[in-house]
Amino acid sequence: MKELLLKYTNYNLWANTKLTGFLKNIKPELLDKELLSSFSTIRKTVYHIWDAEQIWYNRLSGTSLTDWPSESFNGSFDGFVELFTGQSQLFIDFVQSKSEAELTQDFEYKSMEGKPNKNPVCDTVLHCMNHSTFHRGQLITMLRNLGHTELSSTDFITFIRETA
């Protein structure tokens, strides 16, 4: 299980780095252009990924947040990218620090509304990485709708091929 989780967390950092590197080079006004998607702009979508990764990481570390972390962020997009990729690295560090037994045991946390929950650590890490992948796919569609088709694949298999 640990080897699989390390692959997925490393993939997540690779894909987030690739995507944000691309986003840093588009016209800044496109980050806030209204588009049809789950979140109305590229910025809101990528901030949502960051929020979720922070929320789940904090839960895994014993703290249940009650606010979306990006709501209090006032920095630049470059500053965001540094924090976002740093958060993705924290997941790798988290998995590396745990034993197989620790990764398969349940942990308790509260939802943002305060409802108690319990899930296995490994399922939670996989959920968070899958959630990020889902929204990165939305970002690719949003970018294509704006005419940006030059971003290379952020698929898991591409990561495997490039890092093997």
N, C-alpha and C. Protein backbone atom coordinates (compact mmCIF):
# COMPACT_ATOMS: atom_id res chain seq x y z
N MET A 1 0.82 -1.20 0.00
CA MET A 1 0.00 0.00 0.00
C MET A 1 0.87 1.26 0.00
N LYS A 2 1.93 1.25 0.79
CA LYS A 2 2.77 2.45 0.89
C LYS A 2 3.37 2.80 -0.47
N GLU A 3 3.84 1.79 -1.20
CA GLU A 3 4.44 2.05 -2.52
C GLU A 3 3.42 2.69 -3.47
N LEU A 4 2.19 2.19 -3.46
CA LEU A 4 1.14 2.75 -4.30
C LEU A 4 0.84 4.20 -3.91
N LEU A 5 0.71 4.45 -2.62
CA LEU A 5 0.42 5.81 -2.16
C LEU A 5 1.56 6.77 -2.50
N LEU A 6 2.78 6.30 -2.43
CA LEU A 6 3.91 7.16 -2.81
C LEU A 6 3.87 7.47 -4.30
N LYS A 7 3.48 6.49 -5.12
CA LYS A 7 3.34 6.75 -6.55
C LYS A 7 2.29 7.82 -6.80
N TYR A 8 1.15 7.67 -6.14
CA TYR A 8 0.05 8.62 -6.36
C TYR A 8 0.37 10.01 -5.83
N THR A 9 1.00 10.10 -4.67
CA THR A 9 1.32 11.42 -4.13
C THR A 9 2.42 12.09 -4.96
N ASN A 10 3.38 11.31 -5.45
CA ASN A 10 4.40 11.88 -6.34
C ASN A 10 3.78 12.30 -7.67
N TYR A 11 2.87 11.49 -8.18
CA TYR A 11 2.14 11.86 -9.40
C TYR A 11 1.39 13.17 -9.20
N ASN A 12 0.73 13.30 -8.07
CA ASN A 12 -0.05 14.50 -7.78
C ASN A 12 0.85 15.75 -7.80
N LEU A 13 2.00 15.67 -7.16
CA LEU A 13 2.93 16.80 -7.16
C LEU A 13 3.40 17.09 -8.59
N TRP A 14 3.76 16.06 -9.33
CA TRP A 14 4.22 16.22 -10.72
C TRP A 14 3.14 16.91 -11.56
N ALA A 15 1.90 16.44 -11.47
CA ALA A 15 0.81 16.99 -12.28
C ALA A 15 0.47 18.41 -11.85
N ASN A 16 0.45 18.67 -10.54
CA ASN A 16 0.17 20.03 -10.06
C ASN A 16 1.27 21.00 -10.49
N THR A 17 2.51 20.54 -10.44
CA THR A 17 3.64 21.37 -10.86
C THR A 17 3.56 21.67 -12.36
N LYS A 18 3.25 20.65 -13.13
CA LYS A 18 3.14 20.82 -14.58
C LYS A 18 2.01 21.80 -14.92
N LEU A 19 0.87 21.62 -14.29
CA LEU A 19 -0.28 22.47 -14.56
C LEU A 19 -0.03 23.92 -14.12
N THR A 20 0.47 24.11 -12.92
CA THR A 20 0.67 25.49 -12.45
C THR A 20 1.80 26.17 -13.21
N GLY A 21 2.80 25.41 -13.66
CA GLY A 21 3.83 25.99 -14.51
C GLY A 21 3.25 26.54 -15.79
N PHE A 22 2.27 25.83 -16.33
CA PHE A 22 1.58 26.29 -17.53
C PHE A 22 0.71 27.51 -17.21
N LEU A 23 -0.03 27.45 -16.12
CA LEU A 23 -0.93 28.55 -15.75
C LEU A 23 -0.17 29.85 -15.48
N LYS A 24 1.05 29.75 -14.97
CA LYS A 24 1.84 30.95 -14.71
C LYS A 24 2.19 31.69 -15.99
N ASN A 25 2.08 31.01 -17.13
CA ASN A 25 2.48 31.61 -18.41
C ASN A 25 1.32 32.03 -19.30
N ILE A 26 0.09 31.88 -18.82
CA ILE A 26 -1.03 32.39 -19.62
C ILE A 26 -1.30 33.83 -19.21
N LYS A 27 -2.10 34.53 -19.99
CA LYS A 27 -2.45 35.91 -19.64
C LYS A 27 -3.13 35.91 -18.27
N PRO A 28 -2.66 36.72 -17.33
CA PRO A 28 -3.22 36.71 -15.97
C PRO A 28 -4.73 36.90 -15.91
N GLU A 29 -5.29 37.70 -16.83
CA GLU A 29 -6.73 37.95 -16.79
C GLU A 29 -7.54 36.68 -17.11
N LEU A 30 -6.91 35.70 -17.76
CA LEU A 30 -7.62 34.46 -18.06
C LEU A 30 -7.89 33.62 -16.81
N LEU A 31 -7.08 33.83 -15.77
CA LEU A 31 -7.29 33.10 -14.51
C LEU A 31 -8.66 33.42 -13.91
N ASP A 32 -9.17 34.60 -14.19
CA ASP A 32 -10.43 35.05 -13.58
C ASP A 32 -11.56 35.22 -14.59
N LYS A 33 -11.37 34.72 -15.80
CA LYS A 33 -12.42 34.77 -16.81
C LYS A 33 -13.52 33.78 -16.44
N GLU A 34 -14.75 34.23 -16.47
CA GLU A 34 -15.90 33.38 -16.13
C GLU A 34 -16.07 32.30 -17.21
N LEU A 35 -16.16 31.05 -16.76
CA LEU A 35 -16.33 29.90 -17.65
C LEU A 35 -17.35 28.95 -17.03
N LEU A 36 -17.93 28.11 -17.85
CA LEU A 36 -18.90 27.13 -17.35
C LEU A 36 -18.15 25.90 -16.85
N SER A 37 -18.20 25.66 -15.54
CA SER A 37 -17.56 24.51 -14.92
C SER A 37 -18.05 24.42 -13.47
N SER A 38 -17.54 23.47 -12.72
CA SER A 38 -17.93 23.35 -11.31
C SER A 38 -17.62 24.62 -10.54
N PHE A 39 -16.48 25.22 -10.86
CA PHE A 39 -16.07 26.51 -10.29
C PHE A 39 -15.94 27.45 -11.48
N SER A 40 -16.33 28.69 -11.30
CA SER A 40 -16.54 29.57 -12.44
C SER A 40 -15.29 30.14 -13.10
N THR A 41 -14.12 29.96 -12.49
CA THR A 41 -12.89 30.46 -13.09
C THR A 41 -11.77 29.44 -12.90
N ILE A 42 -10.72 29.62 -13.66
CA ILE A 42 -9.53 28.78 -13.50
C ILE A 42 -8.96 28.96 -12.10
N ARG A 43 -8.86 30.22 -11.67
CA ARG A 43 -8.30 30.48 -10.33
C ARG A 43 -9.12 29.78 -9.25
N LYS A 44 -10.44 29.91 -9.31
CA LYS A 44 -11.29 29.28 -8.29
C LYS A 44 -11.14 27.76 -8.31
N THR A 45 -10.96 27.19 -9.49
CA THR A 45 -10.81 25.74 -9.60
C THR A 45 -9.49 25.27 -9.01
N VAL A 46 -8.41 25.93 -9.38
CA VAL A 46 -7.10 25.51 -8.87
C VAL A 46 -6.98 25.81 -7.37
N TYR A 47 -7.60 26.89 -6.91
CA TYR A 47 -7.62 27.16 -5.47
C TYR A 47 -8.44 26.09 -4.74
N HIS A 48 -9.49 25.59 -5.37
CA HIS A 48 -10.28 24.52 -4.75
C HIS A 48 -9.44 23.25 -4.57
N ILE A 49 -8.63 22.92 -5.55
CA ILE A 49 -7.75 21.76 -5.40
C ILE A 49 -6.83 21.96 -4.20
N TRP A 50 -6.24 23.15 -4.13
CA TRP A 50 -5.35 23.48 -3.02
C TRP A 50 -6.09 23.41 -1.68
N ASP A 51 -7.29 23.98 -1.63
CA ASP A 51 -8.10 23.91 -0.41
C ASP A 51 -8.30 22.47 0.03
N ALA A 52 -8.74 21.63 -0.90
CA ALA A 52 -9.03 20.24 -0.55
C ALA A 52 -7.77 19.51 -0.07
N GLU A 53 -6.67 19.74 -0.75
CA GLU A 53 -5.43 19.09 -0.30
C GLU A 53 -5.04 19.55 1.10
N GLN A 54 -5.22 20.84 1.38
CA GLN A 54 -4.91 21.35 2.73
C GLN A 54 -5.86 20.77 3.77
N ILE A 55 -7.14 20.74 3.44
CA ILE A 55 -8.14 20.25 4.39
C ILE A 55 -7.88 18.78 4.72
N TRP A 56 -7.67 17.95 3.70
CA TRP A 56 -7.44 16.53 3.94
C TRP A 56 -6.11 16.28 4.64
N TYR A 57 -5.08 17.00 4.28
CA TYR A 57 -3.80 16.85 4.96
C TYR A 57 -3.94 17.20 6.44
N ASN A 58 -4.61 18.30 6.72
CA ASN A 58 -4.82 18.69 8.12
C ASN A 58 -5.61 17.64 8.88
N ARG A 59 -6.65 17.10 8.25
CA ARG A 59 -7.42 16.05 8.91
C ARG A 59 -6.54 14.85 9.24
N LEU A 60 -5.73 14.45 8.27
CA LEU A 60 -4.83 13.32 8.48
C LEU A 60 -3.81 13.60 9.58
N SER A 61 -3.50 14.87 9.77
CA SER A 61 -2.53 15.29 10.78
C SER A 61 -3.17 15.63 12.12
N GLY A 62 -4.51 15.45 12.22
CA GLY A 62 -5.18 15.63 13.49
C GLY A 62 -5.93 16.93 13.70
N THR A 63 -6.01 17.77 12.65
CA THR A 63 -6.71 19.05 12.77
C THR A 63 -7.82 19.12 11.73
N SER A 64 -9.03 19.37 12.17
CA SER A 64 -10.15 19.53 11.24
C SER A 64 -10.44 21.01 11.04
N LEU A 65 -10.23 21.49 9.81
CA LEU A 65 -10.46 22.91 9.50
C LEU A 65 -11.95 23.19 9.35
N THR A 66 -12.33 24.43 9.61
CA THR A 66 -13.73 24.84 9.47
C THR A 66 -13.91 25.91 8.38
N ASP A 67 -12.81 26.39 7.81
CA ASP A 67 -12.86 27.39 6.75
C ASP A 67 -12.02 26.93 5.56
N TRP A 68 -12.40 27.42 4.39
CA TRP A 68 -11.61 27.13 3.18
C TRP A 68 -10.32 27.94 3.27
N PRO A 69 -9.16 27.31 3.24
CA PRO A 69 -7.90 28.04 3.40
C PRO A 69 -7.69 29.16 2.39
N SER A 70 -8.11 28.98 1.15
CA SER A 70 -7.86 30.02 0.13
C SER A 70 -8.63 31.31 0.39
N GLU A 71 -9.67 31.25 1.21
CA GLU A 71 -10.46 32.46 1.49
C GLU A 71 -9.62 33.53 2.17
N SER A 72 -8.59 33.12 2.89
CA SER A 72 -7.75 34.11 3.58
C SER A 72 -6.43 34.37 2.83
N PHE A 73 -6.28 33.78 1.64
CA PHE A 73 -5.05 33.99 0.86
C PHE A 73 -5.16 35.27 0.05
N ASN A 74 -4.19 36.15 0.21
CA ASN A 74 -4.18 37.42 -0.51
C ASN A 74 -2.91 37.61 -1.34
N GLY A 75 -2.14 36.56 -1.51
CA GLY A 75 -0.86 36.68 -2.21
C GLY A 75 -1.01 36.64 -3.72
N SER A 76 0.13 36.66 -4.38
CA SER A 76 0.19 36.60 -5.84
C SER A 76 -0.03 35.17 -6.32
N PHE A 77 -0.25 35.03 -7.63
CA PHE A 77 -0.42 33.69 -8.18
C PHE A 77 0.88 32.90 -8.04
N ASP A 78 2.03 33.55 -8.22
CA ASP A 78 3.30 32.86 -8.01
C ASP A 78 3.43 32.39 -6.57
N GLY A 79 3.00 33.21 -5.63
CA GLY A 79 3.01 32.82 -4.22
C GLY A 79 2.09 31.63 -3.97
N PHE A 80 0.93 31.65 -4.61
CA PHE A 80 0.00 30.53 -4.51
C PHE A 80 0.66 29.25 -5.02
N VAL A 81 1.31 29.33 -6.18
CA VAL A 81 1.93 28.14 -6.78
C VAL A 81 2.94 27.52 -5.81
N GLU A 82 3.72 28.35 -5.16
CA GLU A 82 4.70 27.84 -4.20
C GLU A 82 4.01 27.13 -3.03
N LEU A 83 2.95 27.73 -2.51
CA LEU A 83 2.21 27.11 -1.40
C LEU A 83 1.52 25.82 -1.85
N PHE A 84 0.95 25.84 -3.04
CA PHE A 84 0.22 24.69 -3.57
C PHE A 84 1.14 23.50 -3.79
N THR A 85 2.26 23.72 -4.45
CA THR A 85 3.18 22.60 -4.67
C THR A 85 3.81 22.15 -3.36
N GLY A 86 4.01 23.10 -2.44
CA GLY A 86 4.49 22.73 -1.11
C GLY A 86 3.50 21.83 -0.38
N GLN A 87 2.21 22.12 -0.52
CA GLN A 87 1.18 21.29 0.08
C GLN A 87 1.20 19.89 -0.53
N SER A 88 1.36 19.81 -1.84
CA SER A 88 1.43 18.50 -2.50
C SER A 88 2.64 17.71 -2.00
N GLN A 89 3.76 18.39 -1.76
CA GLN A 89 4.94 17.72 -1.22
C GLN A 89 4.68 17.19 0.19
N LEU A 90 3.88 17.91 0.97
CA LEU A 90 3.57 17.45 2.33
C LEU A 90 2.88 16.09 2.31
N PHE A 91 2.06 15.82 1.29
CA PHE A 91 1.43 14.49 1.19
C PHE A 91 2.48 13.41 0.98
N ILE A 92 3.47 13.68 0.15
CA ILE A 92 4.56 12.71 -0.06
C ILE A 92 5.27 12.46 1.27
N ASP A 93 5.64 13.53 1.95
CA ASP A 93 6.33 13.42 3.24
C ASP A 93 5.49 12.66 4.25
N PHE A 94 4.18 12.92 4.25
CA PHE A 94 3.27 12.23 5.17
C PHE A 94 3.31 10.72 4.93
N VAL A 95 3.14 10.32 3.68
CA VAL A 95 3.12 8.89 3.36
C VAL A 95 4.47 8.26 3.69
N GLN A 96 5.56 8.94 3.37
CA GLN A 96 6.89 8.40 3.66
C GLN A 96 7.10 8.20 5.16
N SER A 97 6.48 9.03 5.98
CA SER A 97 6.68 8.96 7.43
C SER A 97 5.86 7.87 8.11
N LYS A 98 4.95 7.24 7.39
CA LYS A 98 4.04 6.26 7.99
C LYS A 98 4.45 4.83 7.65
N SER A 99 4.15 3.93 8.56
CA SER A 99 4.35 2.49 8.31
C SER A 99 3.16 1.96 7.53
N GLU A 100 3.30 0.75 7.00
CA GLU A 100 2.18 0.11 6.30
C GLU A 100 0.96 0.04 7.22
N ALA A 101 1.18 -0.35 8.47
CA ALA A 101 0.07 -0.48 9.42
C ALA A 101 -0.61 0.87 9.65
N GLU A 102 0.17 1.92 9.80
CA GLU A 102 -0.41 3.25 10.02
C GLU A 102 -1.22 3.72 8.81
N LEU A 103 -0.79 3.34 7.62
CA LEU A 103 -1.48 3.76 6.40
C LEU A 103 -2.80 3.04 6.20
N THR A 104 -2.96 1.87 6.80
CA THR A 104 -4.20 1.11 6.62
C THR A 104 -5.18 1.26 7.78
N GLN A 105 -4.76 1.91 8.84
CA GLN A 105 -5.68 2.06 9.98
C GLN A 105 -6.63 3.22 9.78
N ASP A 106 -7.75 3.16 10.50
CA ASP A 106 -8.73 4.24 10.46
C ASP A 106 -8.23 5.44 11.25
N PHE A 107 -8.70 6.60 10.86
CA PHE A 107 -8.47 7.81 11.64
C PHE A 107 -9.79 8.56 11.72
N GLU A 108 -9.95 9.32 12.78
CA GLU A 108 -11.18 10.07 12.99
C GLU A 108 -10.94 11.55 12.70
N TYR A 109 -11.97 12.19 12.16
CA TYR A 109 -11.89 13.61 11.84
C TYR A 109 -13.31 14.16 11.80
N LYS A 110 -13.40 15.47 11.70
CA LYS A 110 -14.70 16.12 11.57
C LYS A 110 -14.77 16.81 10.22
N SER A 111 -15.98 16.78 9.64
CA SER A 111 -16.21 17.52 8.39
C SER A 111 -16.14 19.00 8.72
N MET A 112 -16.17 19.83 7.69
CA MET A 112 -16.13 21.28 7.92
C MET A 112 -17.35 21.75 8.70
N GLU A 113 -18.42 20.98 8.65
CA GLU A 113 -19.64 21.32 9.40
C GLU A 113 -19.61 20.75 10.82
N GLY A 114 -18.53 20.03 11.17
CA GLY A 114 -18.39 19.47 12.51
C GLY A 114 -18.88 18.05 12.67
N LYS A 115 -19.32 17.40 11.60
CA LYS A 115 -19.81 16.02 11.68
C LYS A 115 -18.63 15.05 11.80
N PRO A 116 -18.68 14.15 12.81
CA PRO A 116 -17.58 13.19 12.98
C PRO A 116 -17.60 12.11 11.88
N ASN A 117 -16.40 11.72 11.45
CA ASN A 117 -16.23 10.68 10.44
C ASN A 117 -15.03 9.83 10.79
N LYS A 118 -14.96 8.67 10.15
CA LYS A 118 -13.82 7.78 10.34
C LYS A 118 -13.57 7.06 9.02
N ASN A 119 -12.34 7.08 8.54
CA ASN A 119 -11.96 6.40 7.31
C ASN A 119 -10.54 5.88 7.43
N PRO A 120 -10.18 4.87 6.61
CA PRO A 120 -8.78 4.45 6.58
C PRO A 120 -7.89 5.55 5.99
N VAL A 121 -6.71 5.68 6.51
CA VAL A 121 -5.76 6.68 6.02
C VAL A 121 -5.52 6.48 4.53
N CYS A 122 -5.26 5.25 4.09
CA CYS A 122 -4.94 5.00 2.68
C CYS A 122 -6.08 5.39 1.76
N ASP A 123 -7.31 5.11 2.13
CA ASP A 123 -8.45 5.49 1.29
C ASP A 123 -8.57 7.01 1.20
N THR A 124 -8.26 7.68 2.28
CA THR A 124 -8.35 9.13 2.31
C THR A 124 -7.30 9.77 1.41
N VAL A 125 -6.07 9.26 1.46
CA VAL A 125 -5.02 9.78 0.59
C VAL A 125 -5.40 9.55 -0.87
N LEU A 126 -5.87 8.33 -1.19
CA LEU A 126 -6.28 8.05 -2.57
C LEU A 126 -7.44 8.95 -2.99
N HIS A 127 -8.39 9.16 -2.10
CA HIS A 127 -9.51 10.06 -2.41
C HIS A 127 -9.00 11.45 -2.77
N CYS A 128 -8.11 11.99 -1.95
CA CYS A 128 -7.62 13.35 -2.16
C CYS A 128 -6.87 13.46 -3.49
N MET A 129 -6.04 12.47 -3.80
CA MET A 129 -5.29 12.50 -5.06
C MET A 129 -6.25 12.38 -6.25
N ASN A 130 -7.27 11.54 -6.11
CA ASN A 130 -8.27 11.38 -7.17
C ASN A 130 -9.07 12.67 -7.36
N HIS A 131 -9.42 13.31 -6.27
CA HIS A 131 -10.15 14.58 -6.32
C HIS A 131 -9.34 15.63 -7.08
N SER A 132 -8.06 15.70 -6.80
CA SER A 132 -7.20 16.66 -7.51
C SER A 132 -7.15 16.34 -8.99
N THR A 133 -7.07 15.06 -9.34
CA THR A 133 -7.04 14.66 -10.75
C THR A 133 -8.33 15.07 -11.46
N PHE A 134 -9.45 14.86 -10.81
CA PHE A 134 -10.75 15.24 -11.38
C PHE A 134 -10.77 16.72 -11.75
N HIS A 135 -10.36 17.56 -10.81
CA HIS A 135 -10.42 19.00 -11.06
C HIS A 135 -9.32 19.46 -12.02
N ARG A 136 -8.18 18.77 -12.06
CA ARG A 136 -7.18 19.11 -13.09
C ARG A 136 -7.77 18.85 -14.47
N GLY A 137 -8.56 17.80 -14.61
CA GLY A 137 -9.23 17.53 -15.89
C GLY A 137 -10.17 18.67 -16.27
N GLN A 138 -10.88 19.20 -15.29
CA GLN A 138 -11.74 20.36 -15.57
C GLN A 138 -10.91 21.55 -16.03
N LEU A 139 -9.77 21.76 -15.39
CA LEU A 139 -8.90 22.87 -15.78
C LEU A 139 -8.41 22.72 -17.22
N ILE A 140 -8.10 21.50 -17.62
CA ILE A 140 -7.67 21.26 -19.00
C ILE A 140 -8.79 21.65 -19.97
N THR A 141 -10.01 21.26 -19.65
CA THR A 141 -11.15 21.62 -20.50
C THR A 141 -11.34 23.13 -20.54
N MET A 142 -11.24 23.78 -19.39
CA MET A 142 -11.37 25.23 -19.34
C MET A 142 -10.31 25.91 -20.20
N LEU A 143 -9.09 25.43 -20.09
CA LEU A 143 -7.99 25.99 -20.89
C LEU A 143 -8.23 25.77 -22.38
N ARG A 144 -8.69 24.59 -22.75
CA ARG A 144 -8.98 24.31 -24.16
C ARG A 144 -10.09 25.23 -24.68
N ASN A 145 -11.08 25.49 -23.85
CA ASN A 145 -12.15 26.40 -24.25
C ASN A 145 -11.66 27.83 -24.45
N LEU A 146 -10.51 28.15 -23.86
CA LEU A 146 -9.90 29.46 -24.04
C LEU A 146 -8.86 29.45 -25.17
N GLY A 147 -8.74 28.29 -25.85
CA GLY A 147 -7.82 28.19 -26.97
C GLY A 147 -6.43 27.67 -26.62
N HIS A 148 -6.22 27.28 -25.38
CA HIS A 148 -4.91 26.75 -24.97
C HIS A 148 -4.92 25.23 -25.06
N THR A 149 -4.29 24.71 -26.08
CA THR A 149 -4.27 23.26 -26.31
C THR A 149 -2.85 22.69 -26.20
N GLU A 150 -1.89 23.53 -25.86
CA GLU A 150 -0.49 23.10 -25.90
C GLU A 150 0.03 22.45 -24.61
N LEU A 151 -0.78 22.39 -23.56
CA LEU A 151 -0.34 21.73 -22.33
C LEU A 151 -0.23 20.24 -22.59
N SER A 152 0.92 19.68 -22.28
CA SER A 152 1.10 18.25 -22.50
C SER A 152 0.35 17.45 -21.42
N SER A 153 0.23 16.19 -21.63
CA SER A 153 -0.56 15.30 -20.78
C SER A 153 -0.15 15.36 -19.31
N THR A 154 -1.17 15.37 -18.45
CA THR A 154 -0.95 15.22 -17.01
C THR A 154 -1.52 13.90 -16.52
N ASP A 155 -1.68 12.95 -17.44
CA ASP A 155 -2.20 11.62 -17.09
C ASP A 155 -1.22 10.84 -16.23
N PHE A 156 -1.74 9.98 -15.39
CA PHE A 156 -0.91 9.14 -14.51
C PHE A 156 0.07 8.30 -15.33
N ILE A 157 -0.40 7.73 -16.44
CA ILE A 157 0.49 6.87 -17.23
C ILE A 157 1.63 7.69 -17.84
N THR A 158 1.38 8.95 -18.17
CA THR A 158 2.46 9.81 -18.66
C THR A 158 3.49 10.03 -17.58
N PHE A 159 3.04 10.25 -16.35
CA PHE A 159 3.94 10.37 -15.21
C PHE A 159 4.79 9.11 -15.06
N ILE A 160 4.16 7.95 -15.14
CA ILE A 160 4.88 6.68 -15.01
C ILE A 160 5.94 6.57 -16.11
N ARG A 161 5.55 6.87 -17.34
CA ARG A 161 6.50 6.77 -18.46
C ARG A 161 7.65 7.74 -18.31
N GLU A 162 7.35 8.96 -17.88
CA GLU A 162 8.39 9.99 -17.77
C GLU A 162 9.31 9.81 -16.57
N THR A 163 8.85 9.12 -15.56
CA THR A 163 9.66 8.99 -14.34
C THR A 163 10.21 7.59 -14.12
N ALA A 164 9.92 6.69 -15.06
CA ALA A 164 10.40 5.29 -14.90
C ALA A 164 11.90 5.20 -15.07
